[in-house]
PDB file of N, CA and C in Angstrom:
ATOM      1  N   MET A   1      54.136 -16.366 -30.372  1.00  0.00           N
ATOM      2  CA  MET A   1      54.597 -17.454 -30.238  1.00  0.00           C
ATOM      3  C   MET A   1      53.683 -18.790 -30.429  1.00  0.00           C
ATOM      4  N   ILE A   2      54.017 -20.029 -31.188  1.00  0.00           N
ATOM      5  CA  ILE A   2      53.157 -20.927 -31.077  1.00  0.00           C
ATOM      6  C   ILE A   2      53.281 -21.727 -29.914  1.00  0.00           C
ATOM      7  N   ARG A   3      51.855 -22.002 -29.603  1.00  0.00           N
ATOM      8  CA  ARG A   3      51.666 -22.900 -28.149  1.00  0.00           C
ATOM      9  C   ARG A   3      51.281 -24.150 -28.748  1.00  0.00           C
ATOM     10  N   GLY A   4      50.958 -24.588 -29.569  1.00  0.00           N
ATOM     11  CA  GLY A   4      50.544 -25.644 -30.133  1.00  0.00           C
ATOM     12  C   GLY A   4      50.028 -25.886 -31.924  1.00  0.00           C
ATOM     13  N   ILE A   5      50.425 -27.360 -32.219  1.00  0.00           N
ATOM     14  CA  ILE A   5      49.762 -27.830 -33.486  1.00  0.00           C
ATOM     15  C   ILE A   5      49.003 -28.812 -33.338  1.00  0.00           C
ATOM     16  N   GLY A   6      48.062 -28.717 -34.312  1.00  0.00           N
ATOM     17  CA  GLY A   6      47.243 -30.164 -34.302  1.00  0.00           C
ATOM     18  C   GLY A   6      46.825 -30.680 -36.035  1.00  0.00           C
ATOM     19  N   VAL A   7      46.785 -31.829 -36.174  1.00  0.00           N
ATOM     20  CA  VAL A   7      46.371 -32.142 -37.443  1.00  0.00           C
ATOM     21  C   VAL A   7      45.324 -33.466 -37.373  1.00  0.00           C
ATOM     22  N   ASP A   8      44.463 -33.609 -38.067  1.00  0.00           N
ATOM     23  CA  ASP A   8      43.577 -34.889 -38.124  1.00  0.00           C
ATOM     24  C   ASP A   8      43.015 -35.065 -39.633  1.00  0.00           C
ATOM     25  N   ILE A   9      43.273 -36.437 -39.968  1.00  0.00           N
ATOM     26  CA  ILE A   9      42.557 -36.930 -41.158  1.00  0.00           C
ATOM     27  C   ILE A   9      41.349 -37.649 -40.924  1.00  0.00           C
ATOM     28  N   VAL A  10      40.353 -37.757 -41.751  1.00  0.00           N
ATOM     29  CA  VAL A  10      39.070 -38.304 -41.423  1.00  0.00           C
ATOM     30  C   VAL A  10      38.798 -38.926 -42.677  1.00  0.00           C
ATOM     31  N   ASP A  11      38.440 -40.441 -42.867  1.00  0.00           N
ATOM     32  CA  ASP A  11      38.200 -41.230 -43.902  1.00  0.00           C
ATOM     33  C   ASP A  11      36.709 -40.751 -44.541  1.00  0.00           C
ATOM     34  N   LEU A  12      36.463 -40.082 -45.626  1.00  0.00           N
ATOM     35  CA  LEU A  12      35.179 -39.478 -46.133  1.00  0.00           C
ATOM     36  C   LEU A  12      34.105 -40.876 -45.827  1.00  0.00           C
ATOM     37  N   ALA A  13      34.892 -42.164 -46.652  1.00  0.00           N
ATOM     38  CA  ALA A  13      33.694 -42.986 -46.861  1.00  0.00           C
ATOM     39  C   ALA A  13      32.843 -43.449 -45.477  1.00  0.00           C
ATOM     40  N   ARG A  14      34.240 -43.953 -44.510  1.00  0.00           N
ATOM     41  CA  ARG A  14      33.501 -44.277 -43.003  1.00  0.00           C
ATOM     42  C   ARG A  14      32.972 -43.312 -42.303  1.00  0.00           C
ATOM     43  N   PHE A  15      32.996 -41.810 -42.542  1.00  0.00           N
ATOM     44  CA  PHE A  15      32.532 -40.560 -41.904  1.00  0.00           C
ATOM     45  C   PHE A  15      31.106 -40.495 -42.150  1.00  0.00           C
ATOM     46  N   THR A  16      31.038 -40.967 -43.816  1.00  0.00           N
ATOM     47  CA  THR A  16      29.523 -41.235 -44.344  1.00  0.00           C
ATOM     48  C   THR A  16      28.579 -42.235 -43.935  1.00  0.00           C
ATOM     49  N   ARG A  17      29.333 -43.364 -43.771  1.00  0.00           N
ATOM     50  CA  ARG A  17      28.428 -44.533 -43.020  1.00  0.00           C
ATOM     51  C   ARG A  17      28.225 -43.923 -41.485  1.00  0.00           C
ATOM     52  N   GLN A  18      28.832 -43.554 -40.754  1.00  0.00           N
ATOM     53  CA  GLN A  18      28.778 -43.481 -39.129  1.00  0.00           C
ATOM     54  C   GLN A  18      27.575 -42.264 -39.289  1.00  0.00           C
ATOM     55  N   VAL A  19      27.375 -41.354 -40.440  1.00  0.00           N
ATOM     56  CA  VAL A  19      26.721 -40.046 -40.027  1.00  0.00           C
ATOM     57  C   VAL A  19      24.951 -40.709 -40.361  1.00  0.00           C
ATOM     58  N   GLU A  20      25.264 -41.842 -41.554  1.00  0.00           N
ATOM     59  CA  GLU A  20      24.134 -42.416 -42.165  1.00  0.00           C
ATOM     60  C   GLU A  20      23.226 -43.376 -41.072  1.00  0.00           C
ATOM     61  N   ARG A  21      24.433 -43.970 -40.695  1.00  0.00           N
ATOM     62  CA  ARG A  21      24.103 -45.145 -39.623  1.00  0.00           C
ATOM     63  C   ARG A  21      23.433 -44.525 -37.983  1.00  0.00           C
ATOM     64  N   THR A  22      23.791 -43.313 -38.139  1.00  0.00           N
ATOM     65  CA  THR A  22      24.068 -42.610 -36.490  1.00  0.00           C
ATOM     66  C   THR A  22      23.571 -41.255 -36.365  1.00  0.00           C
ATOM     67  N   PRO A  23      22.125 -41.143 -37.144  1.00  0.00           N
ATOM     68  CA  PRO A  23      21.787 -39.320 -37.441  1.00  0.00           C
ATOM     69  C   PRO A  23      21.717 -38.478 -36.332  1.00  0.00           C
ATOM     70  N   GLY A  24      21.789 -39.114 -34.979  1.00  0.00           N
ATOM     71  CA  GLY A  24      22.191 -38.128 -33.776  1.00  0.00           C
ATOM     72  C   GLY A  24      23.795 -37.651 -33.754  1.00  0.00           C
ATOM     73  N   LEU A  25      24.361 -38.412 -34.793  1.00  0.00           N
ATOM     74  CA  LEU A  25      25.651 -37.664 -34.756  1.00  0.00           C
ATOM     75  C   LEU A  25      25.944 -36.617 -35.199  1.00  0.00           C
ATOM     76  N   ILE A  26      25.276 -35.637 -36.002  1.00  0.00           N
ATOM     77  CA  ILE A  26      25.187 -34.299 -36.516  1.00  0.00           C
ATOM     78  C   ILE A  26      24.985 -33.383 -35.256  1.00  0.00           C
ATOM     79  N   PRO A  27      23.600 -33.464 -34.815  1.00  0.00           N
ATOM     80  CA  PRO A  27      23.434 -32.390 -33.856  1.00  0.00           C
ATOM     81  C   PRO A  27      24.153 -32.381 -32.865  1.00  0.00           C
ATOM     82  N   ARG A  28      25.187 -33.837 -32.290  1.00  0.00           N
ATOM     83  CA  ARG A  28      25.960 -33.880 -31.150  1.00  0.00           C
ATOM     84  C   ARG A  28      27.399 -33.360 -31.586  1.00  0.00           C
ATOM     85  N   LEU A  29      27.900 -33.769 -32.908  1.00  0.00           N
ATOM     86  CA  LEU A  29      29.005 -32.765 -32.780  1.00  0.00           C
ATOM     87  C   LEU A  29      29.443 -31.370 -33.698  1.00  0.00           C
ATOM     88  N   PHE A  30      28.061 -30.834 -34.525  1.00  0.00           N
ATOM     89  CA  PHE A  30      28.017 -29.757 -35.027  1.00  0.00           C
ATOM     90  C   PHE A  30      27.153 -28.473 -34.762  1.00  0.00           C
ATOM     91  N   ALA A  31      27.695 -27.089 -34.881  1.00  0.00           N
ATOM     92  CA  ALA A  31      26.770 -26.237 -34.407  1.00  0.00           C
ATOM     93  C   ALA A  31      25.407 -26.224 -35.172  1.00  0.00           C
ATOM     94  N   GLU A  32      24.574 -25.107 -34.771  1.00  0.00           N
ATOM     95  CA  GLU A  32      23.568 -25.362 -35.611  1.00  0.00           C
ATOM     96  C   GLU A  32      23.768 -24.659 -37.364  1.00  0.00           C
ATOM     97  N   GLY A  33      24.527 -23.947 -37.241  1.00  0.00           N
ATOM     98  CA  GLY A  33      25.233 -23.102 -38.167  1.00  0.00           C
ATOM     99  C   GLY A  33      25.738 -24.336 -39.185  1.00  0.00           C
ATOM    100  N   GLU A  34      26.424 -25.233 -38.649  1.00  0.00           N
ATOM    101  CA  GLU A  34      27.206 -26.257 -39.750  1.00  0.00           C
ATOM    102  C   GLU A  34      26.491 -27.479 -40.174  1.00  0.00           C
ATOM    103  N   ARG A  35      25.180 -27.314 -39.641  1.00  0.00           N
ATOM    104  CA  ARG A  35      24.588 -28.587 -39.801  1.00  0.00           C
ATOM    105  C   ARG A  35      23.960 -28.597 -41.074  1.00  0.00           C
ATOM    106  N   ALA A  36      23.886 -27.815 -41.752  1.00  0.00           N
ATOM    107  CA  ALA A  36      23.375 -27.955 -43.508  1.00  0.00           C
ATOM    108  C   ALA A  36      24.148 -28.235 -44.557  1.00  0.00           C
ATOM    109  N   LEU A  37      25.750 -28.338 -44.120  1.00  0.00           N
ATOM    110  CA  LEU A  37      26.521 -28.317 -44.902  1.00  0.00           C
ATOM    111  C   LEU A  37      27.005 -29.932 -45.647  1.00  0.00           C
ATOM    112  N   SER A  38      27.254 -30.272 -46.580  1.00  0.00           N
ATOM    113  CA  SER A  38      27.750 -31.752 -47.134  1.00  0.00           C
ATOM    114  C   SER A  38      28.526 -32.246 -46.165  1.00  0.00           C
ATOM    115  N   VAL A  39      28.235 -33.383 -46.222  1.00  0.00           N
ATOM    116  CA  VAL A  39      29.091 -34.575 -45.153  1.00  0.00           C
ATOM    117  C   VAL A  39      30.607 -34.528 -45.727  1.00  0.00           C
ATOM    118  N   HIS A  40      30.959 -34.162 -46.603  1.00  0.00           N
ATOM    119  CA  HIS A  40      32.527 -33.835 -46.876  1.00  0.00           C
ATOM    120  C   HIS A  40      32.672 -32.937 -46.009  1.00  0.00           C
ATOM    121  N   SER A  41      32.478 -31.677 -46.542  1.00  0.00           N
ATOM    122  CA  SER A  41      32.624 -30.207 -45.327  1.00  0.00           C
ATOM    123  C   SER A  41      32.239 -30.596 -43.733  1.00  0.00           C
ATOM    124  N   LEU A  42      31.259 -31.358 -43.677  1.00  0.00           N
ATOM    125  CA  LEU A  42      31.205 -31.837 -42.050  1.00  0.00           C
ATOM    126  C   LEU A  42      32.501 -32.640 -41.789  1.00  0.00           C
ATOM    127  N   ALA A  43      33.034 -33.407 -42.452  1.00  0.00           N
ATOM    128  CA  ALA A  43      34.015 -34.065 -42.109  1.00  0.00           C
ATOM    129  C   ALA A  43      35.015 -33.457 -41.783  1.00  0.00           C
ATOM    130  N   ALA A  44      35.489 -32.279 -42.910  1.00  0.00           N
ATOM    131  CA  ALA A  44      36.631 -31.645 -42.668  1.00  0.00           C
ATOM    132  C   ALA A  44      36.435 -30.872 -41.212  1.00  0.00           C
ATOM    133  N   ARG A  45      34.974 -30.327 -41.350  1.00  0.00           N
ATOM    134  CA  ARG A  45      34.936 -29.580 -39.639  1.00  0.00           C
ATOM    135  C   ARG A  45      34.967 -30.423 -38.598  1.00  0.00           C
ATOM    136  N   PHE A  46      35.036 -31.827 -38.743  1.00  0.00           N
ATOM    137  CA  PHE A  46      35.133 -32.493 -37.451  1.00  0.00           C
ATOM    138  C   PHE A  46      36.656 -32.964 -37.572  1.00  0.00           C
ATOM    139  N   ALA A  47      37.722 -32.912 -38.625  1.00  0.00           N
ATOM    140  CA  ALA A  47      39.050 -33.163 -38.314  1.00  0.00           C
ATOM    141  C   ALA A  47      39.078 -31.569 -37.856  1.00  0.00           C
ATOM    142  N   ALA A  48      38.777 -30.634 -38.335  1.00  0.00           N
ATOM    143  CA  ALA A  48      39.322 -29.442 -37.681  1.00  0.00           C
ATOM    144  C   ALA A  48      39.104 -29.184 -36.059  1.00  0.00           C
ATOM    145  N   LYS A  49      38.078 -29.800 -35.549  1.00  0.00           N
ATOM    146  CA  LYS A  49      37.827 -29.804 -34.129  1.00  0.00           C
ATOM    147  C   LYS A  49      38.650 -30.702 -33.364  1.00  0.00           C
ATOM    148  N   GLU A  50      38.990 -31.940 -34.119  1.00  0.00           N
ATOM    149  CA  GLU A  50      39.915 -32.932 -33.369  1.00  0.00           C
ATOM    150  C   GLU A  50      41.290 -31.996 -33.300  1.00  0.00           C
ATOM    151  N   ALA A  51      41.667 -31.546 -34.771  1.00  0.00           N
ATOM    152  CA  ALA A  51      42.987 -31.106 -34.736  1.00  0.00           C
ATOM    153  C   ALA A  51      42.987 -29.866 -33.731  1.00  0.00           C
ATOM    154  N   LEU A  52      42.234 -28.648 -33.430  1.00  0.00           N
ATOM    155  CA  LEU A  52      42.134 -27.793 -32.481  1.00  0.00           C
ATOM    156  C   LEU A  52      42.468 -28.956 -31.075  1.00  0.00           C
ATOM    157  N   ILE A  53      41.370 -29.545 -30.815  1.00  0.00           N
ATOM    158  CA  ILE A  53      41.418 -30.100 -29.450  1.00  0.00           C
ATOM    159  C   ILE A  53      43.236 -30.821 -29.378  1.00  0.00           C
ATOM    160  N   LYS A  54      43.649 -31.276 -30.286  1.00  0.00           N
ATOM    161  CA  LYS A  54      44.917 -31.810 -30.177  1.00  0.00           C
ATOM    162  C   LYS A  54      45.929 -30.796 -29.855  1.00  0.00           C
ATOM    163  N   ALA A  55      45.434 -29.295 -30.550  1.00  0.00           N
ATOM    164  CA  ALA A  55      46.699 -28.322 -30.319  1.00  0.00           C
ATOM    165  C   ALA A  55      46.443 -27.856 -29.132  1.00  0.00           C
ATOM    166  N   LEU A  56      45.248 -28.095 -28.304  1.00  0.00           N
ATOM    167  CA  LEU A  56      45.284 -27.115 -26.972  1.00  0.00           C
ATOM    168  C   LEU A  56      45.625 -28.482 -26.107  1.00  0.00           C
ATOM    169  N   GLY A  57      45.389 -29.630 -26.300  1.00  0.00           N
ATOM    170  CA  GLY A  57      45.692 -30.661 -25.639  1.00  0.00           C
ATOM    171  C   GLY A  57      44.771 -31.439 -24.898  1.00  0.00           C
ATOM    172  N   ASP A  58      43.725 -30.802 -24.943  1.00  0.00           N
ATOM    173  CA  ASP A  58      42.465 -31.377 -24.293  1.00  0.00           C
ATOM    174  C   ASP A  58      41.241 -30.501 -24.990  1.00  0.00           C
ATOM    175  N   SER A  59      40.314 -31.042 -24.345  1.00  0.00           N
ATOM    176  CA  SER A  59      38.954 -30.284 -24.650  1.00  0.00           C
ATOM    177  C   SER A  59      38.125 -29.968 -23.616  1.00  0.00           C
ATOM    178  N   ALA A  60      38.801 -30.214 -22.503  1.00  0.00           N
ATOM    179  CA  ALA A  60      38.049 -29.895 -21.089  1.00  0.00           C
ATOM    180  C   ALA A  60      37.977 -28.270 -21.461  1.00  0.00           C
ATOM    181  N   GLY A  61      36.734 -27.736 -20.546  1.00  0.00           N
ATOM    182  CA  GLY A  61      35.848 -26.288 -20.708  1.00  0.00           C
ATOM    183  C   GLY A  61      35.099 -26.004 -22.190  1.00  0.00           C
ATOM    184  N   THR A  62      34.859 -27.034 -22.876  1.00  0.00           N
ATOM    185  CA  THR A  62      34.071 -26.889 -23.960  1.00  0.00           C
ATOM    186  C   THR A  62      33.604 -27.700 -24.587  1.00  0.00           C
ATOM    187  N   THR A  63      32.240 -27.860 -25.550  1.00  0.00           N
ATOM    188  CA  THR A  63      31.871 -28.858 -26.207  1.00  0.00           C
ATOM    189  C   THR A  63      31.917 -28.861 -27.992  1.00  0.00           C
ATOM    190  N   TRP A  64      31.875 -29.875 -28.482  1.00  0.00           N
ATOM    191  CA  TRP A  64      31.715 -30.295 -29.803  1.00  0.00           C
ATOM    192  C   TRP A  64      30.949 -29.221 -30.797  1.00  0.00           C
ATOM    193  N   GLN A  65      29.971 -28.569 -30.156  1.00  0.00           N
ATOM    194  CA  GLN A  65      29.232 -27.782 -30.796  1.00  0.00           C
ATOM    195  C   GLN A  65      29.406 -26.073 -30.700  1.00  0.00           C
ATOM    196  N   GLU A  66      30.272 -25.923 -29.453  1.00  0.00           N
ATOM    197  CA  GLU A  66      31.108 -24.736 -29.225  1.00  0.00           C
ATOM    198  C   GLU A  66      32.279 -24.758 -30.212  1.00  0.00           C
ATOM    199  N   LEU A  67      32.993 -25.463 -30.825  1.00  0.00           N
ATOM    200  CA  LEU A  67      34.014 -25.666 -31.427  1.00  0.00           C
ATOM    201  C   LEU A  67      33.381 -25.534 -32.976  1.00  0.00           C
ATOM    202  N   GLU A  68      32.656 -24.448 -33.060  1.00  0.00           N
ATOM    203  CA  GLU A  68      31.956 -24.058 -34.319  1.00  0.00           C
ATOM    204  C   GLU A  68      33.006 -23.382 -35.329  1.00  0.00           C
ATOM    205  N   ILE A  69      33.137 -23.728 -36.879  1.00  0.00           N
ATOM    206  CA  ILE A  69      33.896 -23.312 -37.468  1.00  0.00           C
ATOM    207  C   ILE A  69      33.168 -22.608 -38.846  1.00  0.00           C
ATOM    208  N   ALA A  70      33.156 -21.659 -38.988  1.00  0.00           N
ATOM    209  CA  ALA A  70      32.428 -20.579 -40.186  1.00  0.00           C
ATOM    210  C   ALA A  70      33.272 -20.228 -40.883  1.00  0.00           C
ATOM    211  N   SER A  71      32.592 -20.004 -42.295  1.00  0.00           N
ATOM    212  CA  SER A  71      33.745 -19.491 -43.401  1.00  0.00           C
ATOM    213  C   SER A  71      33.903 -17.752 -43.646  1.00  0.00           C
ATOM    214  N   ASP A  72      34.923 -16.899 -43.928  1.00  0.00           N
ATOM    215  CA  ASP A  72      34.589 -15.491 -43.971  1.00  0.00           C
ATOM    216  C   ASP A  72      34.385 -15.519 -45.778  1.00  0.00           C
ATOM    217  N   SER A  73      33.962 -14.124 -46.077  1.00  0.00           N
ATOM    218  CA  SER A  73      33.356 -13.930 -47.453  1.00  0.00           C
ATOM    219  C   SER A  73      34.525 -14.083 -48.483  1.00  0.00           C
ATOM    220  N   HIS A  74      35.579 -14.713 -48.172  1.00  0.00           N
ATOM    221  CA  HIS A  74      36.700 -15.478 -48.909  1.00  0.00           C
ATOM    222  C   HIS A  74      36.455 -16.791 -49.048  1.00  0.00           C
ATOM    223  N   GLY A  75      35.970 -17.492 -48.191  1.00  0.00           N
ATOM    224  CA  GLY A  75      35.660 -19.034 -47.782  1.00  0.00           C
ATOM    225  C   GLY A  75      36.642 -19.352 -47.057  1.00  0.00           C
ATOM    226  N   ASN A  76      37.348 -18.880 -46.419  1.00  0.00           N
ATOM    227  CA  ASN A  76      38.609 -19.110 -45.255  1.00  0.00           C
ATOM    228  C   ASN A  76      37.697 -19.642 -43.890  1.00  0.00           C
ATOM    229  N   PRO A  77      38.182 -20.523 -43.679  1.00  0.00           N
ATOM    230  CA  PRO A  77      37.515 -20.760 -42.416  1.00  0.00           C
ATOM    231  C   PRO A  77      38.244 -20.383 -41.176  1.00  0.00           C
ATOM    232  N   PHE A  78      37.255 -20.099 -39.956  1.00  0.00           N
ATOM    233  CA  PHE A  78      37.781 -19.833 -38.792  1.00  0.00           C
ATOM    234  C   PHE A  78      36.755 -20.451 -37.832  1.00  0.00           C
ATOM    235  N   PHE A  79      37.616 -20.546 -36.379  1.00  0.00           N
ATOM    236  CA  PHE A  79      36.740 -20.801 -35.176  1.00  0.00           C
ATOM    237  C   PHE A  79      35.901 -19.405 -35.027  1.00  0.00           C
ATOM    238  N   VAL A  80      34.465 -19.777 -34.583  1.00  0.00           N
ATOM    239  CA  VAL A  80      33.978 -19.082 -33.533  1.00  0.00           C
ATOM    240  C   VAL A  80      34.120 -18.963 -32.309  1.00  0.00           C
ATOM    241  N   LEU A  81      34.350 -17.818 -31.914  1.00  0.00           N
ATOM    242  CA  LEU A  81      35.068 -17.768 -30.479  1.00  0.00           C
ATOM    243  C   LEU A  81      33.524 -17.700 -29.738  1.00  0.00           C
ATOM    244  N   HIS A  82      33.157 -18.452 -29.501  1.00  0.00           N
ATOM    245  CA  HIS A  82      31.811 -18.763 -28.414  1.00  0.00           C
ATOM    246  C   HIS A  82      32.680 -18.479 -26.882  1.00  0.00           C
ATOM    247  N   GLU A  83      31.830 -18.120 -26.060  1.00  0.00           N
ATOM    248  CA  GLU A  83      32.534 -17.668 -24.853  1.00  0.00           C
ATOM    249  C   GLU A  83      33.159 -18.843 -23.818  1.00  0.00           C
ATOM    250  N   SER A  84      32.834 -20.336 -24.398  1.00  0.00           N
ATOM    251  CA  SER A  84      33.607 -21.159 -23.577  1.00  0.00           C
ATOM    252  C   SER A  84      35.151 -21.351 -24.481  1.00  0.00           C
ATOM    253  N   LEU A  85      35.340 -21.099 -25.751  1.00  0.00           N
ATOM    254  CA  LEU A  85      36.455 -21.333 -26.253  1.00  0.00           C
ATOM    255  C   LEU A  85      37.217 -20.030 -25.678  1.00  0.00           C
ATOM    256  N   ARG A  86      36.477 -19.082 -25.528  1.00  0.00           N
ATOM    257  CA  ARG A  86      37.034 -17.804 -25.466  1.00  0.00           C
ATOM    258  C   ARG A  86      38.060 -17.814 -24.005  1.00  0.00           C
ATOM    259  N   SER A  87      37.381 -18.524 -23.021  1.00  0.00           N
ATOM    260  CA  SER A  87      37.219 -18.735 -21.398  1.00  0.00           C
ATOM    261  C   SER A  87      38.800 -19.720 -21.641  1.00  0.00           C
ATOM    262  N   VAL A  88      38.759 -20.808 -23.006  1.00  0.00           N
ATOM    263  CA  VAL A  88      39.612 -21.806 -22.639  1.00  0.00           C
ATOM    264  C   VAL A  88      40.641 -20.904 -22.891  1.00  0.00           C
ATOM    265  N   MET A  89      40.862 -20.349 -24.140  1.00  0.00           N
ATOM    266  CA  MET A  89      42.036 -19.496 -24.570  1.00  0.00           C
ATOM    267  C   MET A  89      42.576 -18.741 -23.693  1.00  0.00           C
ATOM    268  N   ALA A  90      41.667 -18.035 -22.794  1.00  0.00           N
ATOM    269  CA  ALA A  90      42.464 -16.807 -21.801  1.00  0.00           C
ATOM    270  C   ALA A  90      42.994 -17.462 -20.954  1.00  0.00           C
ATOM    271  N   PHE A  91      42.614 -18.948 -20.348  1.00  0.00           N
ATOM    272  CA  PHE A  91      42.916 -19.675 -19.294  1.00  0.00           C
ATOM    273  C   PHE A  91      44.552 -19.841 -19.436  1.00  0.00           C
ATOM    274  N   ARG A  92      44.629 -20.295 -20.774  1.00  0.00           N
ATOM    275  CA  ARG A  92      45.794 -20.875 -21.400  1.00  0.00           C
ATOM    276  C   ARG A  92      46.610 -20.099 -21.933  1.00  0.00           C
ATOM    277  N   GLY A  93      46.454 -18.478 -21.779  1.00  0.00           N
ATOM    278  CA  GLY A  93      47.382 -17.835 -22.509  1.00  0.00           C
ATOM    279  C   GLY A  93      47.176 -17.606 -24.135  1.00  0.00           C
ATOM    280  N   ILE A  94      46.134 -18.022 -24.997  1.00  0.00           N
ATOM    281  CA  ILE A  94      46.137 -18.137 -26.138  1.00  0.00           C
ATOM    282  C   ILE A  94      45.023 -17.082 -27.072  1.00  0.00           C
ATOM    283  N   THR A  95      46.172 -16.575 -28.010  1.00  0.00           N
ATOM    284  CA  THR A  95      45.581 -15.155 -28.324  1.00  0.00           C
ATOM    285  C   THR A  95      45.199 -15.472 -29.825  1.00  0.00           C
ATOM    286  N   SER A  96      45.558 -16.663 -30.568  1.00  0.00           N
ATOM    287  CA  SER A  96      44.671 -16.690 -31.567  1.00  0.00           C
ATOM    288  C   SER A  96      44.729 -17.999 -31.927  1.00  0.00           C
ATOM    289  N   LEU A  97      43.976 -18.515 -33.054  1.00  0.00           N
ATOM    290  CA  LEU A  97      43.998 -19.786 -33.648  1.00  0.00           C
ATOM    291  C   LEU A  97      43.864 -19.704 -35.212  1.00  0.00           C
ATOM    292  N   HIS A  98      44.328 -20.829 -35.929  1.00  0.00           N
ATOM    293  CA  HIS A  98      44.298 -20.557 -37.358  1.00  0.00           C
ATOM    294  C   HIS A  98      44.140 -22.033 -37.682  1.00  0.00           C
ATOM    295  N   VAL A  99      43.233 -22.099 -38.891  1.00  0.00           N
ATOM    296  CA  VAL A  99      42.949 -23.552 -39.112  1.00  0.00           C
ATOM    297  C   VAL A  99      42.902 -23.377 -40.540  1.00  0.00           C
ATOM    298  N   THR A 100      43.424 -24.845 -41.385  1.00  0.00           N
ATOM    299  CA  THR A 100      42.925 -24.655 -42.895  1.00  0.00           C
ATOM    300  C   THR A 100      42.496 -26.247 -43.132  1.00  0.00           C
ATOM    301  N   MET A 101      41.635 -26.339 -43.868  1.00  0.00           N
ATOM    302  CA  MET A 101      40.737 -27.724 -43.785  1.00  0.00           C
ATOM    303  C   MET A 101      40.485 -27.987 -45.668  1.00  0.00           C
ATOM    304  N   THR A 102      40.736 -29.177 -45.908  1.00  0.00           N
ATOM    305  CA  THR A 102      40.586 -29.945 -47.169  1.00  0.00           C
ATOM    306  C   THR A 102      39.797 -31.148 -47.289  1.00  0.00           C
ATOM    307  N   HIS A 103      39.271 -31.039 -48.516  1.00  0.00           N
ATOM    308  CA  HIS A 103      39.016 -32.510 -48.439  1.00  0.00           C
ATOM    309  C   HIS A 103      38.928 -33.150 -50.351  1.00  0.00           C
ATOM    310  N   ASP A 104      39.688 -34.179 -50.149  1.00  0.00           N
ATOM    311  CA  ASP A 104      39.973 -34.817 -51.695  1.00  0.00           C
ATOM    312  C   ASP A 104      40.292 -35.926 -51.730  1.00  0.00           C
ATOM    313  N   ALA A 105      40.197 -36.635 -52.606  1.00  0.00           N
ATOM    314  CA  ALA A 105      40.903 -38.098 -52.731  1.00  0.00           C
ATOM    315  C   ALA A 105      40.156 -38.930 -51.579  1.00  0.00           C
ATOM    316  N   GLY A 106      38.941 -39.112 -51.127  1.00  0.00           N
ATOM    317  CA  GLY A 106      38.782 -39.722 -50.228  1.00  0.00           C
ATOM    318  C   GLY A 106      38.913 -39.572 -48.555  1.00  0.00           C
ATOM    319  N   VAL A 107      39.225 -38.465 -48.437  1.00  0.00           N
ATOM    320  CA  VAL A 107      39.965 -37.955 -47.278  1.00  0.00           C
ATOM    321  C   VAL A 107      39.816 -36.581 -47.089  1.00  0.00           C
ATOM    322  N   ALA A 108      39.354 -36.299 -45.752  1.00  0.00           N
ATOM    323  CA  ALA A 108      39.199 -34.647 -45.178  1.00  0.00           C
ATOM    324  C   ALA A 108      40.455 -34.529 -44.111  1.00  0.00           C
ATOM    325  N   CYS A 109      40.991 -33.328 -44.219  1.00  0.00           N
ATOM    326  CA  CYS A 109      42.406 -33.192 -43.575  1.00  0.00           C
ATOM    327  C   CYS A 109      42.198 -31.954 -43.108  1.00  0.00           C
ATOM    328  N   ALA A 110      42.320 -31.445 -41.673  1.00  0.00           N
ATOM    329  CA  ALA A 110      42.465 -30.238 -41.182  1.00  0.00           C
ATOM    330  C   ALA A 110      44.046 -30.304 -40.354  1.00  0.00           C
ATOM    331  N   PHE A 111      44.618 -28.757 -40.203  1.00  0.00           N
ATOM    332  CA  PHE A 111      45.666 -28.433 -39.611  1.00  0.00           C
ATOM    333  C   PHE A 111      45.356 -27.453 -38.508  1.00  0.00           C
ATOM    334  N   VAL A 112      45.296 -27.420 -37.607  1.00  0.00           N
ATOM    335  CA  VAL A 112      45.508 -25.926 -36.704  1.00  0.00           C
ATOM    336  C   VAL A 112      46.838 -25.639 -36.100  1.00  0.00           C
ATOM    337  N   VAL A 113      47.029 -24.486 -35.518  1.00  0.00           N
ATOM    338  CA  VAL A 113      47.712 -23.881 -34.998  1.00  0.00           C
ATOM    339  C   VAL A 113      47.118 -22.706 -34.051  1.00  0.00           C
ATOM    340  N   VAL A 114      47.912 -22.896 -33.027  1.00  0.00           N
ATOM    341  CA  VAL A 114      47.337 -22.016 -31.539  1.00  0.00           C
ATOM    342  C   VAL A 114      48.829 -21.460 -31.162  1.00  0.00           C
ATOM    343  N   GLU A 115      48.409 -19.792 -31.014  1.00  0.00           N
ATOM    344  CA  GLU A 115      49.414 -18.995 -30.882  1.00  0.00           C
ATOM    345  C   GLU A 115      48.737 -18.577 -29.438  1.00  0.00           C
ATOM    346  N   GLY A 116      49.948 -17.846 -28.755  1.00  0.00           N
ATOM    347  CA  GLY A 116      49.669 -17.117 -27.336  1.00  0.00           C
ATOM    348  C   GLY A 116      51.041 -16.682 -27.220  1.00  0.00           C
ATOM    349  N   ASP A 117      50.905 -15.808 -26.168  1.00  0.00           N
ATOM    350  CA  ASP A 117      51.653 -14.735 -25.167  1.00  0.00           C
ATOM    351  C   ASP A 117      52.767 -15.664 -24.950  1.00  0.00           C
ATOM    352  N   SER A 118      54.122 -15.400 -24.712  1.00  0.00           N
ATOM    353  CA  SER A 118      55.523 -16.099 -24.313  1.00  0.00           C
ATOM    354  C   SER A 118      55.316 -16.842 -23.179  1.00  0.00           C
TER     355      SER A 118
END
């Protein structure tokens, strides 16, 4: 059963300016494994993290770095289930997370669906 949905859009030019102006933003928002990605991929991941927070209703119990997004062997994104995220999911009865991301035409966009028991 769907327990929540979230969507977010990030302006790529604005995100790039923020990253250039504030170098500490990358380590504050992204896990070690995400930090070497292109700025457009980081913007898409930022949108996905925001979309997950919206789908959950808040970010209580976890941090930006713990909302890590990786890709499988086919390039499909997924949330890495760090202990804090697993705890949040268990507390809220969430059994699975689905995420899709894209960046094109000056924006990055992400959509998240949260499923759980009825």
